[in-house]
Amino acid sequence: MKKTYTGSCHCGFITFEVDMELDHVRVCDCSICLKRCALNYRVGESDIKIFTPLENMIQYKWHTMTATDYICPSCGILPFRHPRDRPDIWTVNVRCLDGVDLDSIPVKKIYGNKLD
């Protein structure tokens, strides 16, 4: 069953709500995910409400220029992104959600380091 979560970056500049059934998180071993230590969960476009305009965030692209990371220009936290293999959906950094017991969520390993 889906639940609505509120989320933000560290300083509160970026705020959002997301509807999801948080039954797992994805941990990727690609070079950027390893350094950022995000716990990811994918949602559809209709499941996320972003209250801060995207143009007010830093947008970071690399390699194939398909994935887009949205980063707070003030505190540097990445609350969500469009993933490379599915740029039509959102990947939410579960660490940015309020009131989530991170230790209780099963982890699914993703081997992004094997992507070209």
PDB file of N, CA and C in Angstrom:
ATOM      1  N   MET A   1       0.845  -1.180   0.000  1.00  0.00           N
ATOM      2  CA  MET A   1       0.000   0.000   0.000  1.00  0.00           C
ATOM      3  C   MET A   1       0.892   1.246   0.000  1.00  0.00           C
ATOM      4  N   LYS A   2       0.566   2.189  -0.868  1.00  0.00           N
ATOM      5  CA  LYS A   2       1.351   3.420  -0.953  1.00  0.00           C
ATOM      6  C   LYS A   2       1.089   4.323   0.242  1.00  0.00           C
ATOM      7  N   LYS A   3       2.143   5.039   0.626  1.00  0.00           N
ATOM      8  CA  LYS A   3       2.081   6.009   1.708  1.00  0.00           C
ATOM      9  C   LYS A   3       2.711   7.299   1.195  1.00  0.00           C
ATOM     10  N   THR A   4       2.246   8.436   1.699  1.00  0.00           N
ATOM     11  CA  THR A   4       2.822   9.714   1.318  1.00  0.00           C
ATOM     12  C   THR A   4       3.913  10.101   2.307  1.00  0.00           C
ATOM     13  N   TYR A   5       5.096  10.400   1.780  1.00  0.00           N
ATOM     14  CA  TYR A   5       6.240  10.824   2.574  1.00  0.00           C
ATOM     15  C   TYR A   5       6.589  12.256   2.196  1.00  0.00           C
ATOM     16  N   THR A   6       7.049  13.023   3.161  1.00  0.00           N
ATOM     17  CA  THR A   6       7.597  14.343   2.874  1.00  0.00           C
ATOM     18  C   THR A   6       9.111  14.220   2.884  1.00  0.00           C
ATOM     19  N   GLY A   7       9.746  15.076   2.096  1.00  0.00           N
ATOM     20  CA  GLY A   7      11.188  15.019   2.035  1.00  0.00           C
ATOM     21  C   GLY A   7      11.782  16.376   1.730  1.00  0.00           C
ATOM     22  N   SER A   8      13.090  16.460   1.949  1.00  0.00           N
ATOM     23  CA  SER A   8      13.794  17.713   1.675  1.00  0.00           C
ATOM     24  C   SER A   8      15.285  17.432   1.601  1.00  0.00           C
ATOM     25  N   CYS A   9      16.011  18.452   1.137  1.00  0.00           N
ATOM     26  CA  CYS A   9      17.460  18.427   1.250  1.00  0.00           C
ATOM     27  C   CYS A   9      17.808  18.781   2.706  1.00  0.00           C
ATOM     28  N   HIS A  10      19.069  18.897   3.033  1.00  0.00           N
ATOM     29  CA  HIS A  10      19.478  19.177   4.403  1.00  0.00           C
ATOM     30  C   HIS A  10      19.024  20.548   4.893  1.00  0.00           C
ATOM     31  N   CYS A  11      19.162  21.566   4.055  1.00  0.00           N
ATOM     32  CA  CYS A  11      18.841  22.932   4.496  1.00  0.00           C
ATOM     33  C   CYS A  11      17.367  23.301   4.316  1.00  0.00           C
ATOM     34  N   GLY A  12      16.603  22.452   3.620  1.00  0.00           N
ATOM     35  CA  GLY A  12      15.176  22.717   3.431  1.00  0.00           C
ATOM     36  C   GLY A  12      14.839  23.542   2.202  1.00  0.00           C
ATOM     37  N   PHE A  13      15.829  23.896   1.386  1.00  0.00           N
ATOM     38  CA  PHE A  13      15.570  24.659   0.166  1.00  0.00           C
ATOM     39  C   PHE A  13      14.733  23.845  -0.818  1.00  0.00           C
ATOM     40  N   ILE A  14      15.073  22.551  -0.982  1.00  0.00           N
ATOM     41  CA  ILE A  14      14.314  21.646  -1.849  1.00  0.00           C
ATOM     42  C   ILE A  14      13.335  20.875  -0.979  1.00  0.00           C
ATOM     43  N   THR A  15      12.050  20.945  -1.322  1.00  0.00           N
ATOM     44  CA  THR A  15      11.021  20.185  -0.602  1.00  0.00           C
ATOM     45  C   THR A  15      10.172  19.419  -1.612  1.00  0.00           C
ATOM     46  N   PHE A  16       9.654  18.283  -1.154  1.00  0.00           N
ATOM     47  CA  PHE A  16       8.837  17.443  -2.035  1.00  0.00           C
ATOM     48  C   PHE A  16       8.003  16.473  -1.214  1.00  0.00           C
ATOM     49  N   GLU A  17       7.025  15.883  -1.870  1.00  0.00           N
ATOM     50  CA  GLU A  17       6.237  14.778  -1.332  1.00  0.00           C
ATOM     51  C   GLU A  17       6.270  13.662  -2.356  1.00  0.00           C
ATOM     52  N   VAL A  18       6.222  12.440  -1.853  1.00  0.00           N
ATOM     53  CA  VAL A  18       6.246  11.292  -2.751  1.00  0.00           C
ATOM     54  C   VAL A  18       5.322  10.209  -2.212  1.00  0.00           C
ATOM     55  N   ASP A  19       4.569   9.597  -3.101  1.00  0.00           N
ATOM     56  CA  ASP A  19       3.703   8.464  -2.764  1.00  0.00           C
ATOM     57  C   ASP A  19       4.404   7.195  -3.218  1.00  0.00           C
ATOM     58  N   MET A  20       4.634   6.280  -2.269  1.00  0.00           N
ATOM     59  CA  MET A  20       5.299   5.039  -2.630  1.00  0.00           C
ATOM     60  C   MET A  20       5.050   3.947  -1.610  1.00  0.00           C
ATOM     61  N   GLU A  21       5.238   2.736  -2.076  1.00  0.00           N
ATOM     62  CA  GLU A  21       5.202   1.564  -1.211  1.00  0.00           C
ATOM     63  C   GLU A  21       6.653   1.204  -0.928  1.00  0.00           C
ATOM     64  N   LEU A  22       7.177   1.712   0.148  1.00  0.00           N
ATOM     65  CA  LEU A  22       8.602   1.613   0.450  1.00  0.00           C
ATOM     66  C   LEU A  22       8.929   0.218   0.986  1.00  0.00           C
ATOM     67  N   ASP A  23       9.000  -0.750   0.057  1.00  0.00           N
ATOM     68  CA  ASP A  23       9.226  -2.144   0.431  1.00  0.00           C
ATOM     69  C   ASP A  23      10.681  -2.574   0.220  1.00  0.00           C
ATOM     70  N   HIS A  24      11.506  -1.671  -0.338  1.00  0.00           N
ATOM     71  CA  HIS A  24      12.928  -1.939  -0.535  1.00  0.00           C
ATOM     72  C   HIS A  24      13.622  -0.626  -0.899  1.00  0.00           C
ATOM     73  N   VAL A  25      14.921  -0.636  -0.869  1.00  0.00           N
ATOM     74  CA  VAL A  25      15.725   0.449  -1.425  1.00  0.00           C
ATOM     75  C   VAL A  25      16.750  -0.182  -2.350  1.00  0.00           C
ATOM     76  N   ARG A  26      17.222   0.607  -3.289  1.00  0.00           N
ATOM     77  CA  ARG A  26      18.237   0.163  -4.233  1.00  0.00           C
ATOM     78  C   ARG A  26      19.562   0.838  -3.859  1.00  0.00           C
ATOM     79  N   VAL A  27      20.616   0.034  -3.791  1.00  0.00           N
ATOM     80  CA  VAL A  27      21.955   0.546  -3.542  1.00  0.00           C
ATOM     81  C   VAL A  27      22.795   0.176  -4.755  1.00  0.00           C
ATOM     82  N   CYS A  28      23.266   1.192  -5.457  1.00  0.00           N
ATOM     83  CA  CYS A  28      24.019   1.013  -6.697  1.00  0.00           C
ATOM     84  C   CYS A  28      25.508   1.149  -6.432  1.00  0.00           C
ATOM     85  N   ASP A  29      26.305   0.388  -7.190  1.00  0.00           N
ATOM     86  CA  ASP A  29      27.754   0.435  -7.012  1.00  0.00           C
ATOM     87  C   ASP A  29      28.471   1.198  -8.124  1.00  0.00           C
ATOM     88  N   CYS A  30      27.742   2.030  -8.883  1.00  0.00           N
ATOM     89  CA  CYS A  30      28.426   2.843  -9.889  1.00  0.00           C
ATOM     90  C   CYS A  30      29.260   3.912  -9.183  1.00  0.00           C
ATOM     91  N   SER A  31      30.134   4.576  -9.921  1.00  0.00           N
ATOM     92  CA  SER A  31      31.083   5.503  -9.301  1.00  0.00           C
ATOM     93  C   SER A  31      30.402   6.643  -8.549  1.00  0.00           C
ATOM     94  N   ILE A  32      29.321   7.190  -9.064  1.00  0.00           N
ATOM     95  CA  ILE A  32      28.678   8.321  -8.395  1.00  0.00           C
ATOM     96  C   ILE A  32      27.837   7.864  -7.202  1.00  0.00           C
ATOM     97  N   CYS A  33      27.123   6.764  -7.337  1.00  0.00           N
ATOM     98  CA  CYS A  33      26.290   6.281  -6.226  1.00  0.00           C
ATOM     99  C   CYS A  33      27.146   5.833  -5.039  1.00  0.00           C
ATOM    100  N   LEU A  34      28.292   5.238  -5.328  1.00  0.00           N
ATOM    101  CA  LEU A  34      29.193   4.841  -4.241  1.00  0.00           C
ATOM    102  C   LEU A  34      29.615   6.043  -3.410  1.00  0.00           C
ATOM    103  N   LYS A  35      29.926   7.134  -4.058  1.00  0.00           N
ATOM    104  CA  LYS A  35      30.399   8.325  -3.345  1.00  0.00           C
ATOM    105  C   LYS A  35      29.281   9.057  -2.615  1.00  0.00           C
ATOM    106  N   ARG A  36      28.049   8.979  -3.140  1.00  0.00           N
ATOM    107  CA  ARG A  36      26.965   9.738  -2.508  1.00  0.00           C
ATOM    108  C   ARG A  36      26.215   8.907  -1.460  1.00  0.00           C
ATOM    109  N   CYS A  37      26.348   7.580  -1.460  1.00  0.00           N
ATOM    110  CA  CYS A  37      25.728   6.690  -0.458  1.00  0.00           C
ATOM    111  C   CYS A  37      24.207   6.825  -0.393  1.00  0.00           C
ATOM    112  N   ALA A  38      23.579   7.059  -1.519  1.00  0.00           N
ATOM    113  CA  ALA A  38      22.124   7.203  -1.545  1.00  0.00           C
ATOM    114  C   ALA A  38      21.438   5.845  -1.407  1.00  0.00           C
ATOM    115  N   LEU A  39      20.256   5.868  -0.808  1.00  0.00           N
ATOM    116  CA  LEU A  39      19.354   4.719  -0.795  1.00  0.00           C
ATOM    117  C   LEU A  39      18.213   5.104  -1.728  1.00  0.00           C
ATOM    118  N   ASN A  40      18.097   4.427  -2.856  1.00  0.00           N
ATOM    119  CA  ASN A  40      17.203   4.846  -3.932  1.00  0.00           C
ATOM    120  C   ASN A  40      15.923   4.041  -4.008  1.00  0.00           C
ATOM    121  N   TYR A  41      14.862   4.739  -4.407  1.00  0.00           N
ATOM    122  CA  TYR A  41      13.588   4.084  -4.693  1.00  0.00           C
ATOM    123  C   TYR A  41      12.980   4.785  -5.902  1.00  0.00           C
ATOM    124  N   ARG A  42      12.502   4.025  -6.861  1.00  0.00           N
ATOM    125  CA  ARG A  42      11.979   4.587  -8.104  1.00  0.00           C
ATOM    126  C   ARG A  42      10.462   4.771  -8.042  1.00  0.00           C
ATOM    127  N   VAL A  43      10.020   5.920  -8.564  1.00  0.00           N
ATOM    128  CA  VAL A  43       8.593   6.229  -8.613  1.00  0.00           C
ATOM    129  C   VAL A  43       8.245   6.836  -9.967  1.00  0.00           C
ATOM    130  N   GLY A  44       6.976   6.760 -10.314  1.00  0.00           N
ATOM    131  CA  GLY A  44       6.490   7.373 -11.542  1.00  0.00           C
ATOM    132  C   GLY A  44       6.336   8.879 -11.389  1.00  0.00           C
ATOM    133  N   GLU A  45       6.230   9.543 -12.501  1.00  0.00           N
ATOM    134  CA  GLU A  45       6.067  11.000 -12.534  1.00  0.00           C
ATOM    135  C   GLU A  45       4.881  11.461 -11.695  1.00  0.00           C
ATOM    136  N   SER A  46       3.792  10.707 -11.716  1.00  0.00           N
ATOM    137  CA  SER A  46       2.586  11.112 -10.985  1.00  0.00           C
ATOM    138  C   SER A  46       2.688  10.876  -9.482  1.00  0.00           C
ATOM    139  N   ASP A  47       3.737  10.196  -9.028  1.00  0.00           N
ATOM    140  CA  ASP A  47       3.890   9.869  -7.606  1.00  0.00           C
ATOM    141  C   ASP A  47       4.730  10.871  -6.825  1.00  0.00           C
ATOM    142  N   ILE A  48       5.261  11.883  -7.506  1.00  0.00           N
ATOM    143  CA  ILE A  48       6.116  12.856  -6.810  1.00  0.00           C
ATOM    144  C   ILE A  48       5.633  14.272  -7.090  1.00  0.00           C
ATOM    145  N   LYS A  49       5.613  15.065  -6.025  1.00  0.00           N
ATOM    146  CA  LYS A  49       5.278  16.484  -6.129  1.00  0.00           C
ATOM    147  C   LYS A  49       6.498  17.252  -5.644  1.00  0.00           C
ATOM    148  N   ILE A  50       7.118  17.986  -6.541  1.00  0.00           N
ATOM    149  CA  ILE A  50       8.315  18.755  -6.204  1.00  0.00           C
ATOM    150  C   ILE A  50       7.895  20.208  -6.058  1.00  0.00           C
ATOM    151  N   PHE A  51       8.114  20.770  -4.874  1.00  0.00           N
ATOM    152  CA  PHE A  51       7.649  22.123  -4.569  1.00  0.00           C
ATOM    153  C   PHE A  51       8.668  23.207  -4.928  1.00  0.00           C
ATOM    154  N   THR A  52       9.906  22.831  -5.078  1.00  0.00           N
ATOM    155  CA  THR A  52      10.957  23.772  -5.467  1.00  0.00           C
ATOM    156  C   THR A  52      11.136  23.664  -6.982  1.00  0.00           C
ATOM    157  N   PRO A  53      11.113  24.773  -7.706  1.00  0.00           N
ATOM    158  CA  PRO A  53      11.299  24.699  -9.157  1.00  0.00           C
ATOM    159  C   PRO A  53      12.625  24.033  -9.538  1.00  0.00           C
ATOM    160  N   LEU A  54      12.577  23.133 -10.504  1.00  0.00           N
ATOM    161  CA  LEU A  54      13.785  22.417 -10.927  1.00  0.00           C
ATOM    162  C   LEU A  54      14.874  23.371 -11.408  1.00  0.00           C
ATOM    163  N   GLU A  55      14.464  24.478 -12.019  1.00  0.00           N
ATOM    164  CA  GLU A  55      15.461  25.428 -12.525  1.00  0.00           C
ATOM    165  C   GLU A  55      16.228  26.138 -11.401  1.00  0.00           C
ATOM    166  N   ASN A  56      15.755  26.006 -10.163  1.00  0.00           N
ATOM    167  CA  ASN A  56      16.461  26.579  -9.013  1.00  0.00           C
ATOM    168  C   ASN A  56      17.465  25.600  -8.395  1.00  0.00           C
ATOM    169  N   MET A  57      17.583  24.423  -8.987  1.00  0.00           N
ATOM    170  CA  MET A  57      18.503  23.399  -8.492  1.00  0.00           C
ATOM    171  C   MET A  57      19.675  23.268  -9.447  1.00  0.00           C
ATOM    172  N   ILE A  58      20.764  22.727  -8.940  1.00  0.00           N
ATOM    173  CA  ILE A  58      21.880  22.360  -9.811  1.00  0.00           C
ATOM    174  C   ILE A  58      21.492  21.066 -10.510  1.00  0.00           C
ATOM    175  N   GLN A  59      21.665  21.019 -11.810  1.00  0.00           N
ATOM    176  CA  GLN A  59      21.412  19.803 -12.570  1.00  0.00           C
ATOM    177  C   GLN A  59      22.747  19.276 -13.071  1.00  0.00           C
ATOM    178  N   TYR A  60      23.023  18.036 -12.711  1.00  0.00           N
ATOM    179  CA  TYR A  60      24.302  17.420 -13.065  1.00  0.00           C
ATOM    180  C   TYR A  60      24.059  16.240 -13.990  1.00  0.00           C
ATOM    181  N   LYS A  61      24.767  16.235 -15.143  1.00  0.00           N
ATOM    182  CA  LYS A  61      24.726  15.119 -16.097  1.00  0.00           C
ATOM    183  C   LYS A  61      26.159  14.713 -16.398  1.00  0.00           C
ATOM    184  N   TRP A  62      26.366  13.468 -16.750  1.00  0.00           N
ATOM    185  CA  TRP A  62      27.700  12.985 -17.087  1.00  0.00           C
ATOM    186  C   TRP A  62      27.566  11.793 -18.012  1.00  0.00           C
ATOM    187  N   HIS A  63      28.667  11.300 -18.492  1.00  0.00           N
ATOM    188  CA  HIS A  63      28.805  10.108 -19.334  1.00  0.00           C
ATOM    189  C   HIS A  63      27.858  10.152 -20.531  1.00  0.00           C
ATOM    190  N   THR A  64      26.713   9.469 -20.491  1.00  0.00           N
ATOM    191  CA  THR A  64      25.798   9.441 -21.640  1.00  0.00           C
ATOM    192  C   THR A  64      24.897  10.680 -21.683  1.00  0.00           C
ATOM    193  N   MET A  65      24.959  11.513 -20.659  1.00  0.00           N
ATOM    194  CA  MET A  65      24.143  12.735 -20.562  1.00  0.00           C
ATOM    195  C   MET A  65      22.640  12.418 -20.537  1.00  0.00           C
ATOM    196  N   THR A  66      22.277  11.240 -20.084  1.00  0.00           N
ATOM    197  CA  THR A  66      20.877  10.823 -20.001  1.00  0.00           C
ATOM    198  C   THR A  66      20.331  11.012 -18.592  1.00  0.00           C
ATOM    199  N   ALA A  67      21.054  10.563 -17.591  1.00  0.00           N
ATOM    200  CA  ALA A  67      20.629  10.736 -16.197  1.00  0.00           C
ATOM    201  C   ALA A  67      20.776  12.202 -15.811  1.00  0.00           C
ATOM    202  N   THR A  68      19.881  12.662 -14.949  1.00  0.00           N
ATOM    203  CA  THR A  68      19.978  14.019 -14.423  1.00  0.00           C
ATOM    204  C   THR A  68      19.846  13.967 -12.916  1.00  0.00           C
ATOM    205  N   ASP A  69      20.859  14.484 -12.226  1.00  0.00           N
ATOM    206  CA  ASP A  69      20.815  14.613 -10.778  1.00  0.00           C
ATOM    207  C   ASP A  69      20.369  16.021 -10.431  1.00  0.00           C
ATOM    208  N   TYR A  70      19.491  16.148  -9.451  1.00  0.00           N
ATOM    209  CA  TYR A  70      19.002  17.447  -8.983  1.00  0.00           C
ATOM    210  C   TYR A  70      19.574  17.686  -7.595  1.00  0.00           C
ATOM    211  N   ILE A  71      20.367  18.733  -7.466  1.00  0.00           N
ATOM    212  CA  ILE A  71      21.176  18.970  -6.275  1.00  0.00           C
ATOM    213  C   ILE A  71      20.850  20.351  -5.713  1.00  0.00           C
ATOM    214  N   CYS A  72      20.771  20.441  -4.398  1.00  0.00           N
ATOM    215  CA  CYS A  72      20.531  21.724  -3.758  1.00  0.00           C
ATOM    216  C   CYS A  72      21.756  22.626  -3.946  1.00  0.00           C
ATOM    217  N   PRO A  73      21.548  23.858  -4.431  1.00  0.00           N
ATOM    218  CA  PRO A  73      22.680  24.769  -4.609  1.00  0.00           C
ATOM    219  C   PRO A  73      23.235  25.301  -3.297  1.00  0.00           C
ATOM    220  N   SER A  74      22.509  25.118  -2.201  1.00  0.00           N
ATOM    221  CA  SER A  74      22.948  25.628  -0.908  1.00  0.00           C
ATOM    222  C   SER A  74      23.692  24.566  -0.090  1.00  0.00           C
ATOM    223  N   CYS A  75      23.064  23.407   0.118  1.00  0.00           N
ATOM    224  CA  CYS A  75      23.674  22.393   0.991  1.00  0.00           C
ATOM    225  C   CYS A  75      24.321  21.237   0.235  1.00  0.00           C
ATOM    226  N   GLY A  76      24.072  21.116  -1.069  1.00  0.00           N
ATOM    227  CA  GLY A  76      24.718  20.091  -1.870  1.00  0.00           C
ATOM    228  C   GLY A  76      24.096  18.712  -1.823  1.00  0.00           C
ATOM    229  N   ILE A  77      22.948  18.571  -1.183  1.00  0.00           N
ATOM    230  CA  ILE A  77      22.284  17.268  -1.078  1.00  0.00           C
ATOM    231  C   ILE A  77      21.482  16.972  -2.344  1.00  0.00           C
ATOM    232  N   LEU A  78      21.461  15.702  -2.747  1.00  0.00           N
ATOM    233  CA  LEU A  78      20.715  15.226  -3.905  1.00  0.00           C
ATOM    234  C   LEU A  78      19.482  14.455  -3.427  1.00  0.00           C
ATOM    235  N   PRO A  79      18.284  15.056  -3.468  1.00  0.00           N
ATOM    236  CA  PRO A  79      17.089  14.351  -3.006  1.00  0.00           C
ATOM    237  C   PRO A  79      16.463  13.425  -4.045  1.00  0.00           C
ATOM    238  N   PHE A  80      16.698  13.682  -5.333  1.00  0.00           N
ATOM    239  CA  PHE A  80      16.098  12.864  -6.392  1.00  0.00           C
ATOM    240  C   PHE A  80      16.828  13.075  -7.701  1.00  0.00           C
ATOM    241  N   ARG A  81      16.526  12.176  -8.648  1.00  0.00           N
ATOM    242  CA  ARG A  81      17.190  12.206  -9.953  1.00  0.00           C
ATOM    243  C   ARG A  81      16.332  11.488 -10.981  1.00  0.00           C
ATOM    244  N   HIS A  82      16.630  11.708 -12.242  1.00  0.00           N
ATOM    245  CA  HIS A  82      16.108  10.894 -13.343  1.00  0.00           C
ATOM    246  C   HIS A  82      17.208   9.894 -13.669  1.00  0.00           C
ATOM    247  N   PRO A  83      16.945   8.589 -13.581  1.00  0.00           N
ATOM    248  CA  PRO A  83      18.002   7.611 -13.834  1.00  0.00           C
ATOM    249  C   PRO A  83      18.308   7.451 -15.325  1.00  0.00           C
ATOM    250  N   ARG A  84      19.498   6.999 -15.595  1.00  0.00           N
ATOM    251  CA  ARG A  84      19.961   6.820 -16.979  1.00  0.00           C
ATOM    252  C   ARG A  84      19.121   5.819 -17.761  1.00  0.00           C
ATOM    253  N   ASP A  85      18.792   4.693 -17.146  1.00  0.00           N
ATOM    254  CA  ASP A  85      18.071   3.654 -17.881  1.00  0.00           C
ATOM    255  C   ASP A  85      16.571   3.913 -17.976  1.00  0.00           C
ATOM    256  N   ARG A  86      16.053   4.862 -17.201  1.00  0.00           N
ATOM    257  CA  ARG A  86      14.627   5.207 -17.235  1.00  0.00           C
ATOM    258  C   ARG A  86      14.448   6.702 -16.968  1.00  0.00           C
ATOM    259  N   PRO A  87      14.834   7.580 -17.907  1.00  0.00           N
ATOM    260  CA  PRO A  87      14.740   9.015 -17.663  1.00  0.00           C
ATOM    261  C   PRO A  87      13.307   9.531 -17.569  1.00  0.00           C
ATOM    262  N   ASP A  88      12.327   8.651 -17.783  1.00  0.00           N
ATOM    263  CA  ASP A  88      10.914   9.025 -17.685  1.00  0.00           C
ATOM    264  C   ASP A  88      10.365   8.879 -16.268  1.00  0.00           C
ATOM    265  N   ILE A  89      11.178   8.374 -15.340  1.00  0.00           N
ATOM    266  CA  ILE A  89      10.727   8.205 -13.951  1.00  0.00           C
ATOM    267  C   ILE A  89      11.667   8.975 -13.022  1.00  0.00           C
ATOM    268  N   TRP A  90      11.371   8.945 -11.738  1.00  0.00           N
ATOM    269  CA  TRP A  90      12.196   9.597 -10.718  1.00  0.00           C
ATOM    270  C   TRP A  90      12.787   8.544  -9.800  1.00  0.00           C
ATOM    271  N   THR A  91      14.005   8.780  -9.372  1.00  0.00           N
ATOM    272  CA  THR A  91      14.628   8.000  -8.312  1.00  0.00           C
ATOM    273  C   THR A  91      14.756   8.923  -7.106  1.00  0.00           C
ATOM    274  N   VAL A  92      14.139   8.526  -6.012  1.00  0.00           N
ATOM    275  CA  VAL A  92      14.142   9.329  -4.789  1.00  0.00           C
ATOM    276  C   VAL A  92      15.218   8.797  -3.853  1.00  0.00           C
ATOM    277  N   ASN A  93      15.977   9.702  -3.270  1.00  0.00           N
ATOM    278  CA  ASN A  93      16.955   9.336  -2.250  1.00  0.00           C
ATOM    279  C   ASN A  93      16.196   9.193  -0.929  1.00  0.00           C
ATOM    280  N   VAL A  94      15.961   7.977  -0.503  1.00  0.00           N
ATOM    281  CA  VAL A  94      15.157   7.688   0.685  1.00  0.00           C
ATOM    282  C   VAL A  94      15.771   8.314   1.939  1.00  0.00           C
ATOM    283  N   ARG A  95      17.061   8.572   1.933  1.00  0.00           N
ATOM    284  CA  ARG A  95      17.705   9.235   3.071  1.00  0.00           C
ATOM    285  C   ARG A  95      17.175  10.660   3.276  1.00  0.00           C
ATOM    286  N   CYS A  96      16.518  11.219   2.262  1.00  0.00           N
ATOM    287  CA  CYS A  96      15.978  12.584   2.353  1.00  0.00           C
ATOM    288  C   CYS A  96      14.521  12.609   2.825  1.00  0.00           C
ATOM    289  N   LEU A  97      13.934  11.455   3.113  1.00  0.00           N
ATOM    290  CA  LEU A  97      12.541  11.398   3.567  1.00  0.00           C
ATOM    291  C   LEU A  97      12.452  11.513   5.078  1.00  0.00           C
ATOM    292  N   ASP A  98      11.405  12.161   5.540  1.00  0.00           N
ATOM    293  CA  ASP A  98      11.170  12.321   6.978  1.00  0.00           C
ATOM    294  C   ASP A  98      10.532  11.064   7.563  1.00  0.00           C
ATOM    295  N   GLY A  99      10.974  10.677   8.752  1.00  0.00           N
ATOM    296  CA  GLY A  99      10.317   9.625   9.522  1.00  0.00           C
ATOM    297  C   GLY A  99      10.464   8.219   8.990  1.00  0.00           C
ATOM    298  N   VAL A 100      11.542   7.919   8.278  1.00  0.00           N
ATOM    299  CA  VAL A 100      11.744   6.580   7.727  1.00  0.00           C
ATOM    300  C   VAL A 100      12.800   5.851   8.554  1.00  0.00           C
ATOM    301  N   ASP A 101      12.476   4.624   8.961  1.00  0.00           N
ATOM    302  CA  ASP A 101      13.432   3.774   9.672  1.00  0.00           C
ATOM    303  C   ASP A 101      14.264   3.039   8.627  1.00  0.00           C
ATOM    304  N   LEU A 102      15.407   3.584   8.295  1.00  0.00           N
ATOM    305  CA  LEU A 102      16.233   3.051   7.215  1.00  0.00           C
ATOM    306  C   LEU A 102      16.696   1.624   7.475  1.00  0.00           C
ATOM    307  N   ASP A 103      16.905   1.266   8.728  1.00  0.00           N
ATOM    308  CA  ASP A 103      17.393  -0.072   9.059  1.00  0.00           C
ATOM    309  C   ASP A 103      16.348  -1.163   8.840  1.00  0.00           C
ATOM    310  N   SER A 104      15.084  -0.778   8.691  1.00  0.00           N
ATOM    311  CA  SER A 104      14.022  -1.776   8.543  1.00  0.00           C
ATOM    312  C   SER A 104      13.685  -2.087   7.084  1.00  0.00           C
ATOM    313  N   ILE A 105      14.356  -1.441   6.142  1.00  0.00           N
ATOM    314  CA  ILE A 105      14.012  -1.591   4.723  1.00  0.00           C
ATOM    315  C   ILE A 105      14.984  -2.546   4.043  1.00  0.00           C
ATOM    316  N   PRO A 106      14.471  -3.571   3.362  1.00  0.00           N
ATOM    317  CA  PRO A 106      15.354  -4.481   2.622  1.00  0.00           C
ATOM    318  C   PRO A 106      16.125  -3.745   1.519  1.00  0.00           C
ATOM    319  N   VAL A 107      17.358  -4.192   1.280  1.00  0.00           N
ATOM    320  CA  VAL A 107      18.242  -3.572   0.301  1.00  0.00           C
ATOM    321  C   VAL A 107      18.376  -4.468  -0.924  1.00  0.00           C
ATOM    322  N   LYS A 108      18.198  -3.869  -2.103  1.00  0.00           N
ATOM    323  CA  LYS A 108      18.418  -4.560  -3.371  1.00  0.00           C
ATOM    324  C   LYS A 108      19.683  -3.970  -3.989  1.00  0.00           C
ATOM    325  N   LYS A 109      20.668  -4.816  -4.282  1.00  0.00           N
ATOM    326  CA  LYS A 109      21.918  -4.335  -4.863  1.00  0.00           C
ATOM    327  C   LYS A 109      21.770  -4.204  -6.377  1.00  0.00           C
ATOM    328  N   ILE A 110      22.257  -3.067  -6.893  1.00  0.00           N
ATOM    329  CA  ILE A 110      22.251  -2.784  -8.323  1.00  0.00           C
ATOM    330  C   ILE A 110      23.700  -2.643  -8.766  1.00  0.00           C
ATOM    331  N   TYR A 111      24.062  -3.291  -9.855  1.00  0.00           N
ATOM    332  CA  TYR A 111      25.437  -3.307 -10.314  1.00  0.00           C
ATOM    333  C   TYR A 111      25.635  -2.327 -11.469  1.00  0.00           C
ATOM    334  N   GLY A 112      25.549  -1.042 -11.138  1.00  0.00           N
ATOM    335  CA  GLY A 112      25.705   0.012 -12.124  1.00  0.00           C
ATOM    336  C   GLY A 112      27.118   0.118 -12.672  1.00  0.00           C
ATOM    337  N   ASN A 113      28.093  -0.416 -11.949  1.00  0.00           N
ATOM    338  CA  ASN A 113      29.472  -0.356 -12.432  1.00  0.00           C
ATOM    339  C   ASN A 113      29.674  -1.226 -13.673  1.00  0.00           C
ATOM    340  N   LYS A 114      28.713  -2.066 -13.992  1.00  0.00           N
ATOM    341  CA  LYS A 114      28.801  -2.926 -15.166  1.00  0.00           C
ATOM    342  C   LYS A 114      28.184  -2.279 -16.416  1.00  0.00           C
ATOM    343  N   LEU A 115      27.559  -1.091 -16.235  1.00  0.00           N
ATOM    344  CA  LEU A 115      26.982  -0.391 -17.372  1.00  0.00           C
ATOM    345  C   LEU A 115      28.080   0.295 -18.184  1.00  0.00           C
ATOM    346  N   ASP A 116      27.878   0.372 -19.468  1.00  0.00           N
ATOM    347  CA  ASP A 116      28.820   1.110 -20.335  1.00  0.00           C
ATOM    348  C   ASP A 116      28.504   2.578 -20.320  1.00  0.00           C
TER     349      ASP A 116
END
